[in-house]
Amino acid sequence: MSTSKVAITIDRRLLERLDALVKKKAFPNRSKAIQLAVQEQIARLDRSRLARECAKLDSNAEQAMADKGLARDRDQWPEY
């Protein structure tokens, strides 16, 4: 994975807490800790976006489409 350097401004108390976690070996270094935090936040935002989009779906229409697809394919299913 390619990486890039960025400069950030961070609250002093937050940085002190981060440094304490690095010192306790919770993270190998500041950069890795911040990278993981950003990845987690982006993943959380993606999940909430997916949930919002799913909430827009009409469950009756989705069920009707699924039923229609199943009925069409039913004749091709093997006998058990």
N, C-alpha and C. Protein backbone atom coordinates (compact mmCIF):
# COMPACT_ATOMS: atom_id res chain seq x y z
N MET A 1 0.85 -1.18 0.00
CA MET A 1 0.00 0.00 0.00
C MET A 1 0.89 1.24 0.00
N SER A 2 0.60 2.14 -0.89
CA SER A 2 1.32 3.39 -0.99
C SER A 2 0.83 4.34 0.10
N THR A 3 1.74 5.08 0.68
CA THR A 3 1.36 6.03 1.73
C THR A 3 1.83 7.42 1.35
N SER A 4 1.20 8.41 1.95
CA SER A 4 1.56 9.82 1.74
C SER A 4 1.66 10.49 3.09
N LYS A 5 2.55 11.45 3.18
CA LYS A 5 2.67 12.22 4.41
C LYS A 5 1.67 13.36 4.39
N VAL A 6 1.06 13.60 5.55
CA VAL A 6 0.15 14.73 5.72
C VAL A 6 0.47 15.39 7.06
N ALA A 7 0.20 16.66 7.13
CA ALA A 7 0.35 17.38 8.39
C ALA A 7 -1.05 17.60 8.96
N ILE A 8 -1.20 17.38 10.24
CA ILE A 8 -2.50 17.60 10.88
C ILE A 8 -2.31 18.48 12.11
N THR A 9 -3.38 19.10 12.51
CA THR A 9 -3.40 19.85 13.76
C THR A 9 -4.30 19.06 14.69
N ILE A 10 -3.81 18.81 15.90
CA ILE A 10 -4.55 17.97 16.84
C ILE A 10 -4.52 18.61 18.23
N ASP A 11 -5.60 18.49 18.93
CA ASP A 11 -5.70 19.03 20.28
C ASP A 11 -4.59 18.44 21.16
N ARG A 12 -3.99 19.27 21.97
CA ARG A 12 -2.86 18.85 22.80
C ARG A 12 -3.23 17.68 23.72
N ARG A 13 -4.40 17.75 24.36
CA ARG A 13 -4.80 16.67 25.27
C ARG A 13 -5.02 15.35 24.51
N LEU A 14 -5.59 15.47 23.33
CA LEU A 14 -5.78 14.27 22.52
C LEU A 14 -4.44 13.67 22.12
N LEU A 15 -3.50 14.53 21.76
CA LEU A 15 -2.16 14.05 21.41
C LEU A 15 -1.48 13.38 22.60
N GLU A 16 -1.67 13.93 23.78
CA GLU A 16 -1.10 13.32 24.98
C GLU A 16 -1.68 11.93 25.21
N ARG A 17 -2.99 11.79 25.01
CA ARG A 17 -3.63 10.47 25.16
C ARG A 17 -3.11 9.50 24.11
N LEU A 18 -2.96 10.01 22.89
CA LEU A 18 -2.43 9.17 21.82
C LEU A 18 -1.01 8.71 22.15
N ASP A 19 -0.19 9.63 22.59
CA ASP A 19 1.19 9.27 22.95
C ASP A 19 1.22 8.24 24.09
N ALA A 20 0.31 8.36 25.03
CA ALA A 20 0.25 7.39 26.12
C ALA A 20 -0.10 5.99 25.57
N LEU A 21 -1.00 5.94 24.61
CA LEU A 21 -1.35 4.64 24.01
C LEU A 21 -0.18 4.06 23.22
N VAL A 22 0.55 4.90 22.54
CA VAL A 22 1.74 4.43 21.81
C VAL A 22 2.78 3.92 22.80
N LYS A 23 2.94 4.64 23.90
CA LYS A 23 3.90 4.23 24.93
C LYS A 23 3.52 2.89 25.54
N LYS A 24 2.21 2.65 25.68
CA LYS A 24 1.73 1.37 26.23
C LYS A 24 1.69 0.27 25.17
N LYS A 25 2.17 0.59 23.97
CA LYS A 25 2.23 -0.37 22.86
C LYS A 25 0.85 -0.75 22.31
N ALA A 26 -0.16 0.10 22.53
CA ALA A 26 -1.47 -0.15 21.93
C ALA A 26 -1.38 0.08 20.42
N PHE A 27 -0.48 0.95 20.02
CA PHE A 27 -0.19 1.22 18.61
C PHE A 27 1.32 1.30 18.44
N PRO A 28 1.81 0.94 17.26
CA PRO A 28 3.26 1.00 17.07
C PRO A 28 3.80 2.42 17.01
N ASN A 29 2.95 3.36 16.55
CA ASN A 29 3.38 4.76 16.45
C ASN A 29 2.15 5.64 16.23
N ARG A 30 2.36 6.94 16.26
CA ARG A 30 1.27 7.90 16.07
C ARG A 30 0.61 7.72 14.70
N SER A 31 1.45 7.59 13.69
CA SER A 31 0.92 7.51 12.32
C SER A 31 -0.04 6.34 12.16
N LYS A 32 0.36 5.18 12.68
CA LYS A 32 -0.49 4.00 12.55
C LYS A 32 -1.80 4.19 13.32
N ALA A 33 -1.72 4.78 14.50
CA ALA A 33 -2.91 5.01 15.31
C ALA A 33 -3.88 5.94 14.59
N ILE A 34 -3.38 7.00 14.01
CA ILE A 34 -4.23 7.95 13.30
C ILE A 34 -4.79 7.32 12.04
N GLN A 35 -3.97 6.56 11.33
CA GLN A 35 -4.44 5.88 10.12
C GLN A 35 -5.59 4.92 10.45
N LEU A 36 -5.45 4.15 11.50
CA LEU A 36 -6.50 3.21 11.90
C LEU A 36 -7.78 3.95 12.32
N ALA A 37 -7.61 5.06 13.02
CA ALA A 37 -8.78 5.84 13.45
C ALA A 37 -9.53 6.40 12.25
N VAL A 38 -8.80 6.89 11.26
CA VAL A 38 -9.44 7.42 10.06
C VAL A 38 -10.13 6.30 9.30
N GLN A 39 -9.49 5.14 9.17
CA GLN A 39 -10.11 4.00 8.49
C GLN A 39 -11.40 3.59 9.17
N GLU A 40 -11.39 3.51 10.48
CA GLU A 40 -12.59 3.13 11.24
C GLU A 40 -13.72 4.13 11.03
N GLN A 41 -13.39 5.40 11.07
CA GLN A 41 -14.42 6.44 10.92
C GLN A 41 -15.01 6.39 9.51
N ILE A 42 -14.18 6.21 8.50
CA ILE A 42 -14.69 6.12 7.14
C ILE A 42 -15.58 4.89 6.98
N ALA A 43 -15.17 3.76 7.56
CA ALA A 43 -15.99 2.54 7.49
C ALA A 43 -17.33 2.76 8.19
N ARG A 44 -17.33 3.45 9.32
CA ARG A 44 -18.57 3.75 10.04
C ARG A 44 -19.48 4.63 9.19
N LEU A 45 -18.91 5.62 8.54
CA LEU A 45 -19.70 6.49 7.67
C LEU A 45 -20.27 5.71 6.50
N ASP A 46 -19.48 4.81 5.93
CA ASP A 46 -19.97 3.98 4.83
C ASP A 46 -21.13 3.10 5.27
N ARG A 47 -21.02 2.51 6.46
CA ARG A 47 -22.10 1.65 6.97
C ARG A 47 -23.37 2.46 7.21
N SER A 48 -23.22 3.66 7.75
CA SER A 48 -24.42 4.47 8.01
C SER A 48 -25.03 4.94 6.70
N ARG A 49 -24.21 5.20 5.69
CA ARG A 49 -24.74 5.58 4.38
C ARG A 49 -25.51 4.42 3.77
N LEU A 50 -24.96 3.22 3.89
CA LEU A 50 -25.66 2.04 3.37
C LEU A 50 -27.00 1.86 4.08
N ALA A 51 -27.01 2.05 5.38
CA ALA A 51 -28.26 1.92 6.14
C ALA A 51 -29.29 2.96 5.69
N ARG A 52 -28.83 4.18 5.44
CA ARG A 52 -29.75 5.23 4.98
C ARG A 52 -30.32 4.87 3.61
N GLU A 53 -29.48 4.35 2.72
CA GLU A 53 -29.94 3.97 1.39
C GLU A 53 -30.91 2.79 1.47
N CYS A 54 -30.62 1.84 2.34
CA CYS A 54 -31.52 0.68 2.50
C CYS A 54 -32.88 1.11 3.05
N ALA A 55 -32.87 2.11 3.91
CA ALA A 55 -34.13 2.59 4.48
C ALA A 55 -35.03 3.21 3.42
N LYS A 56 -34.45 3.65 2.32
CA LYS A 56 -35.23 4.26 1.24
C LYS A 56 -35.96 3.21 0.39
N LEU A 57 -35.54 1.95 0.50
CA LEU A 57 -36.13 0.90 -0.33
C LEU A 57 -37.56 0.61 0.10
N ASP A 58 -38.39 0.29 -0.86
CA ASP A 58 -39.77 -0.12 -0.61
C ASP A 58 -39.74 -1.63 -0.44
N SER A 59 -39.95 -2.11 0.77
CA SER A 59 -39.83 -3.56 1.03
C SER A 59 -40.83 -4.38 0.23
N ASN A 60 -42.02 -3.84 -0.01
CA ASN A 60 -43.02 -4.58 -0.80
C ASN A 60 -42.56 -4.72 -2.25
N ALA A 61 -42.01 -3.65 -2.82
CA ALA A 61 -41.53 -3.70 -4.19
C ALA A 61 -40.33 -4.64 -4.30
N GLU A 62 -39.44 -4.59 -3.33
CA GLU A 62 -38.27 -5.48 -3.34
C GLU A 62 -38.70 -6.93 -3.24
N GLN A 63 -39.70 -7.21 -2.39
CA GLN A 63 -40.20 -8.58 -2.24
C GLN A 63 -40.84 -9.05 -3.54
N ALA A 64 -41.59 -8.17 -4.18
CA ALA A 64 -42.25 -8.53 -5.45
C ALA A 64 -41.21 -8.86 -6.51
N MET A 65 -40.14 -8.08 -6.58
CA MET A 65 -39.07 -8.37 -7.55
C MET A 65 -38.41 -9.71 -7.24
N ALA A 66 -38.17 -9.97 -5.98
CA ALA A 66 -37.54 -11.24 -5.58
C ALA A 66 -38.45 -12.42 -5.92
N ASP A 67 -39.73 -12.28 -5.62
CA ASP A 67 -40.68 -13.36 -5.92
C ASP A 67 -40.76 -13.61 -7.42
N LYS A 68 -40.77 -12.54 -8.20
CA LYS A 68 -40.84 -12.67 -9.65
C LYS A 68 -39.61 -13.40 -10.18
N GLY A 69 -38.45 -13.05 -9.66
CA GLY A 69 -37.22 -13.72 -10.07
C GLY A 69 -37.21 -15.18 -9.68
N LEU A 70 -37.69 -15.49 -8.48
CA LEU A 70 -37.73 -16.89 -8.03
C LEU A 70 -38.70 -17.70 -8.87
N ALA A 71 -39.84 -17.13 -9.19
CA ALA A 71 -40.84 -17.85 -9.98
C ALA A 71 -40.28 -18.16 -11.37
N ARG A 72 -39.56 -17.24 -11.94
CA ARG A 72 -38.99 -17.44 -13.27
C ARG A 72 -37.94 -18.55 -13.27
N ASP A 73 -37.14 -18.61 -12.20
CA ASP A 73 -36.06 -19.58 -12.13
C ASP A 73 -36.49 -20.92 -11.55
N ARG A 74 -37.66 -21.01 -10.97
CA ARG A 74 -38.10 -22.20 -10.26
C ARG A 74 -38.07 -23.45 -11.14
N ASP A 75 -38.44 -23.30 -12.41
CA ASP A 75 -38.48 -24.45 -13.32
C ASP A 75 -37.09 -25.01 -13.58
N GLN A 76 -36.06 -24.25 -13.37
CA GLN A 76 -34.69 -24.69 -13.62
C GLN A 76 -34.06 -25.33 -12.39
N TRP A 77 -34.70 -25.28 -11.25
CA TRP A 77 -34.17 -25.85 -10.04
C TRP A 77 -34.22 -27.36 -10.10
N PRO A 78 -33.21 -28.05 -9.59
CA PRO A 78 -33.22 -29.53 -9.59
C PRO A 78 -34.22 -30.06 -8.56
N GLU A 79 -34.73 -31.25 -8.83
CA GLU A 79 -35.62 -31.92 -7.87
C GLU A 79 -34.79 -32.47 -6.71
N TYR A 80 -35.32 -32.41 -5.52
CA TYR A 80 -34.63 -32.96 -4.35
C TYR A 80 -35.42 -34.11 -3.78
